[in-house]
Amino acid sequence: MITIYIKNTNWYRVLLMFAGNVFLSMGVAIFKLSSLGNDPFNGMVMGLSDCLGMAYANFLVIINLLIFVVEIIFGRHLIGWGTIVNAFINGYMATFFYNTFSAAIPASQMWQRVLCVLIGVVVCSFGLSMYQGSDVGVAPYDALSLIMNKRLHIPYFWCRMSNDVVCALICFFSGGIVGLGTIVCAFGLGPVIHFFDDYFTNKILQKPIFAKK
């Protein structure tokens, strides 16, 4: 079955997905650089990892493994190459970008931190557009809301919102940062992702090489 799956994979879509995750990881790093909060899920992981004295990337893998079990049981059709890359590689890429940026880019003044948030929105949205549009697997955390929507018959918006609220609360009580970046990620990414879908990703996917097998 694995051999059949690999043969049926459109590797151009996998490449697009991987590029999307690189930009997504870069955006997470830029949000962290702002010290004004990250998206609820990554913010939660950062807060808990600091409490436990673990590296963010290592703890992210552990959390994703736990959610991945749920995805295997209830949403196996959502698993693909995108699931693996997002769950097990993104944390290390985000750490690399953060270490690189923090050593080269000052973000001490408020206007610099707000600018980081704005740049983070654009970079994250660009990455998410490519990662989601490639349709080669859903990350464990993203799959959780889709599974809840299908199994519990609750609108996707409320499933995602409830998960994000829980993550934001855990982030806050674990000493993580809940701020402008968190709010922008929760409510501002959608329109920018839609923009990149219309003017970049969907146009790329119309090329014959991206056709599904």
Protein backbone atom coordinates (compact mmCIF):
# COMPACT_ATOMS: atom_id res chain seq x y z
CA MET A 1 0.00 0.00 0.00
CA ILE A 2 2.87 2.39 0.82
CA THR A 3 4.40 1.67 -2.61
CA ILE A 4 1.09 2.49 -4.33
CA TYR A 5 0.80 5.73 -2.32
CA ILE A 6 4.33 6.80 -3.28
CA LYS A 7 3.72 6.02 -6.96
CA ASN A 8 0.51 8.05 -6.93
CA THR A 9 2.17 11.06 -5.31
CA ASN A 10 2.53 14.22 -7.35
CA TRP A 11 6.00 15.30 -6.28
CA TYR A 12 5.51 18.82 -7.62
CA ARG A 13 2.71 19.22 -5.07
CA VAL A 14 5.01 17.81 -2.38
CA LEU A 15 7.65 20.37 -3.37
CA LEU A 16 5.05 23.16 -3.17
CA MET A 17 3.96 21.88 0.24
CA PHE A 18 7.54 21.78 1.50
CA ALA A 19 8.18 25.34 0.28
CA GLY A 20 5.00 26.40 2.06
CA ASN A 21 6.18 24.86 5.32
CA VAL A 22 9.53 26.62 5.01
CA PHE A 23 7.73 29.98 4.79
CA LEU A 24 5.34 28.96 7.56
CA SER A 25 8.27 28.11 9.85
CA MET A 26 9.89 31.39 8.94
CA GLY A 27 6.70 33.21 9.88
CA VAL A 28 6.52 31.44 13.26
CA ALA A 29 10.09 32.56 13.92
CA ILE A 30 9.28 36.17 13.00
CA PHE A 31 6.26 36.17 15.30
CA LYS A 32 8.43 34.86 18.13
CA LEU A 33 10.98 37.57 17.38
CA SER A 34 8.28 40.20 17.95
CA SER A 35 7.70 39.02 21.56
CA LEU A 36 4.03 39.93 21.02
CA GLY A 37 2.66 36.41 20.79
CA ASN A 38 2.43 33.65 18.22
CA ASP A 39 -0.46 31.64 16.83
CA PRO A 40 -2.36 29.87 19.66
CA PHE A 41 -0.97 26.38 19.00
CA ASN A 42 2.69 27.34 18.67
CA GLY A 43 2.30 29.82 21.52
CA MET A 44 1.02 26.99 23.73
CA VAL A 45 3.92 24.74 22.74
CA MET A 46 6.42 27.51 23.42
CA GLY A 47 4.89 28.27 26.84
CA LEU A 48 4.77 24.63 27.93
CA SER A 49 8.25 23.84 26.61
CA ASP A 50 9.68 26.77 28.60
CA CYS A 51 7.90 25.50 31.73
CA LEU A 52 9.32 22.01 31.24
CA GLY A 53 12.78 23.20 30.24
CA MET A 54 12.59 21.46 26.87
CA ALA A 55 13.55 22.74 23.45
CA TYR A 56 10.53 24.05 21.58
CA ALA A 57 11.15 21.87 18.50
CA ASN A 58 11.50 18.66 20.54
CA PHE A 59 8.36 19.37 22.56
CA LEU A 60 6.44 20.23 19.38
CA VAL A 61 7.26 16.77 18.01
CA ILE A 62 5.91 15.16 21.20
CA ILE A 63 2.65 17.14 21.08
CA ASN A 64 2.23 16.40 17.37
CA LEU A 65 2.81 12.69 17.98
CA LEU A 66 0.00 12.66 20.55
CA ILE A 67 -2.41 14.41 18.18
CA PHE A 68 -1.16 12.26 15.30
CA VAL A 69 -2.56 9.20 17.10
CA VAL A 70 -6.01 10.83 16.95
CA GLU A 71 -5.50 11.59 13.26
CA ILE A 72 -4.53 7.96 12.55
CA ILE A 73 -7.62 6.63 14.36
CA PHE A 74 -10.27 9.09 13.16
CA GLY A 75 -8.81 10.91 10.14
CA ARG A 76 -6.48 8.56 8.31
CA HIS A 77 -7.56 10.03 4.97
CA LEU A 78 -6.04 13.36 6.03
CA ILE A 79 -2.53 11.94 6.41
CA GLY A 80 0.09 12.64 3.76
CA TRP A 81 3.54 14.04 3.21
CA GLY A 82 2.34 17.40 4.47
CA THR A 83 1.41 15.79 7.79
CA ILE A 84 4.94 14.45 8.28
CA VAL A 85 6.76 17.63 7.31
CA ASN A 86 4.52 19.92 9.35
CA ALA A 87 4.53 17.71 12.44
CA PHE A 88 8.16 16.66 12.63
CA ILE A 89 10.29 19.16 10.72
CA ASN A 90 8.68 22.60 11.10
CA GLY A 91 9.78 23.08 14.71
CA TYR A 92 13.42 22.65 13.79
CA MET A 93 13.12 24.97 10.80
CA ALA A 94 11.41 27.61 12.97
CA THR A 95 14.22 27.31 15.55
CA PHE A 96 16.84 27.72 12.82
CA PHE A 97 15.15 30.82 11.42
CA TYR A 98 14.63 32.32 14.89
CA ASN A 99 18.29 31.86 15.84
CA THR A 100 19.35 33.37 12.52
CA PHE A 101 16.97 36.35 12.69
CA SER A 102 17.49 37.14 16.37
CA ALA A 103 21.23 37.39 15.82
CA ALA A 104 20.86 39.74 12.87
CA ILE A 105 17.63 41.71 13.26
CA PRO A 106 16.96 44.03 16.21
CA ALA A 107 13.39 43.98 17.56
CA SER A 108 13.70 45.88 20.80
CA GLN A 109 11.51 48.91 20.10
CA MET A 110 7.74 48.61 19.90
CA TRP A 111 7.51 49.76 16.29
CA GLN A 112 10.04 47.07 15.32
CA ARG A 113 8.05 44.42 17.16
CA VAL A 114 4.77 45.49 15.53
CA LEU A 115 6.53 45.44 12.15
CA CYS A 116 7.62 41.86 12.87
CA VAL A 117 3.98 40.93 13.50
CA LEU A 118 2.90 42.45 10.20
CA ILE A 119 5.70 40.73 8.30
CA GLY A 120 4.90 37.49 10.12
CA VAL A 121 1.29 37.67 8.93
CA VAL A 122 2.36 37.95 5.29
CA VAL A 123 5.03 35.23 5.49
CA CYS A 124 2.84 32.79 7.46
CA SER A 125 -0.14 33.35 5.16
CA PHE A 126 2.00 32.78 2.07
CA GLY A 127 3.31 29.54 3.54
CA LEU A 128 -0.11 28.36 4.68
CA SER A 129 -1.58 29.04 1.25
CA MET A 130 1.00 26.78 -0.42
CA TYR A 131 0.91 24.10 2.28
CA GLN A 132 -2.89 23.87 2.36
CA GLY A 133 -3.37 24.32 -1.37
CA SER A 134 -0.97 21.51 -2.25
CA ASP A 135 -3.47 19.06 -0.67
CA VAL A 136 -0.91 16.38 0.21
CA GLY A 137 -1.66 15.92 3.89
CA VAL A 138 -2.97 17.84 6.88
CA ALA A 139 -0.95 18.66 10.01
CA PRO A 140 -2.17 16.91 13.20
CA TYR A 141 -3.41 20.12 14.85
CA ASP A 142 -5.20 21.27 11.69
CA ALA A 143 -6.71 17.79 11.29
CA LEU A 144 -8.14 17.92 14.81
CA SER A 145 -10.71 20.57 13.86
CA LEU A 146 -11.64 18.72 10.66
CA ILE A 147 -12.15 15.50 12.61
CA MET A 148 -14.30 17.27 15.22
CA ASN A 149 -16.35 18.84 12.46
CA LYS A 150 -17.05 15.47 10.85
CA ARG A 151 -17.51 13.39 14.00
CA LEU A 152 -19.35 15.87 16.22
CA HIS A 153 -21.29 17.64 13.43
CA ILE A 154 -20.18 21.04 14.75
CA PRO A 155 -19.38 23.78 12.20
CA TYR A 156 -15.67 23.89 11.39
CA PHE A 157 -15.38 27.53 12.49
CA TRP A 158 -16.43 26.68 16.04
CA CYS A 159 -14.22 23.58 16.16
CA ARG A 160 -11.18 25.61 15.15
CA MET A 161 -12.09 28.52 17.38
CA SER A 162 -12.55 26.30 20.45
CA ASN A 163 -9.22 24.57 19.86
CA ASP A 164 -7.45 27.90 19.42
CA VAL A 165 -9.05 29.32 22.57
CA VAL A 166 -7.95 26.29 24.60
CA CYS A 167 -4.40 26.61 23.24
CA ALA A 168 -4.34 30.36 23.99
CA LEU A 169 -5.50 29.75 27.57
CA ILE A 170 -2.87 27.06 28.12
CA CYS A 171 -0.28 29.42 26.63
CA PHE A 172 -1.33 32.18 29.03
CA PHE A 173 -1.40 30.02 32.18
CA SER A 174 1.92 28.39 31.31
CA GLY A 175 3.58 31.79 31.16
CA GLY A 176 3.62 32.10 27.38
CA ILE A 177 2.91 35.29 25.49
CA VAL A 178 -0.66 36.04 24.44
CA GLY A 179 -0.72 39.39 22.70
CA LEU A 180 -1.07 41.23 19.43
CA GLY A 181 0.53 38.39 17.46
CA THR A 182 -1.93 35.89 18.91
CA ILE A 183 -4.93 38.03 18.03
CA VAL A 184 -3.65 38.73 14.52
CA CYS A 185 -3.00 35.02 13.92
CA ALA A 186 -6.43 34.04 15.21
CA PHE A 187 -8.41 36.58 13.17
CA GLY A 188 -6.14 38.10 10.51
CA LEU A 189 -4.51 35.22 8.66
CA GLY A 190 -7.65 34.11 6.80
CA PRO A 191 -8.05 37.11 4.46
CA VAL A 192 -4.33 37.19 3.62
CA ILE A 193 -4.28 33.44 2.93
CA HIS A 194 -7.30 33.94 0.66
CA PHE A 195 -5.38 36.68 -1.20
CA PHE A 196 -2.41 34.38 -1.84
CA ASP A 197 -4.76 31.55 -2.82
CA ASP A 198 -6.33 33.71 -5.52
CA TYR A 199 -3.23 35.45 -6.85
CA PHE A 200 -0.53 32.80 -6.45
CA THR A 201 -1.26 29.27 -5.23
CA ASN A 202 -4.38 28.49 -7.26
CA LYS A 203 -2.73 29.85 -10.42
CA ILE A 204 0.33 27.67 -9.82
CA LEU A 205 -1.83 24.60 -9.24
CA GLN A 206 -3.58 25.10 -12.60
CA LYS A 207 -0.37 24.12 -14.40
CA PRO A 208 -0.49 20.57 -15.81
CA ILE A 209 2.48 19.35 -13.75
CA PHE A 210 0.43 19.81 -10.56
CA ALA A 211 -2.49 17.70 -11.77
CA LYS A 212 -3.38 14.88 -9.35
CA LYS A 213 -2.67 11.33 -10.52
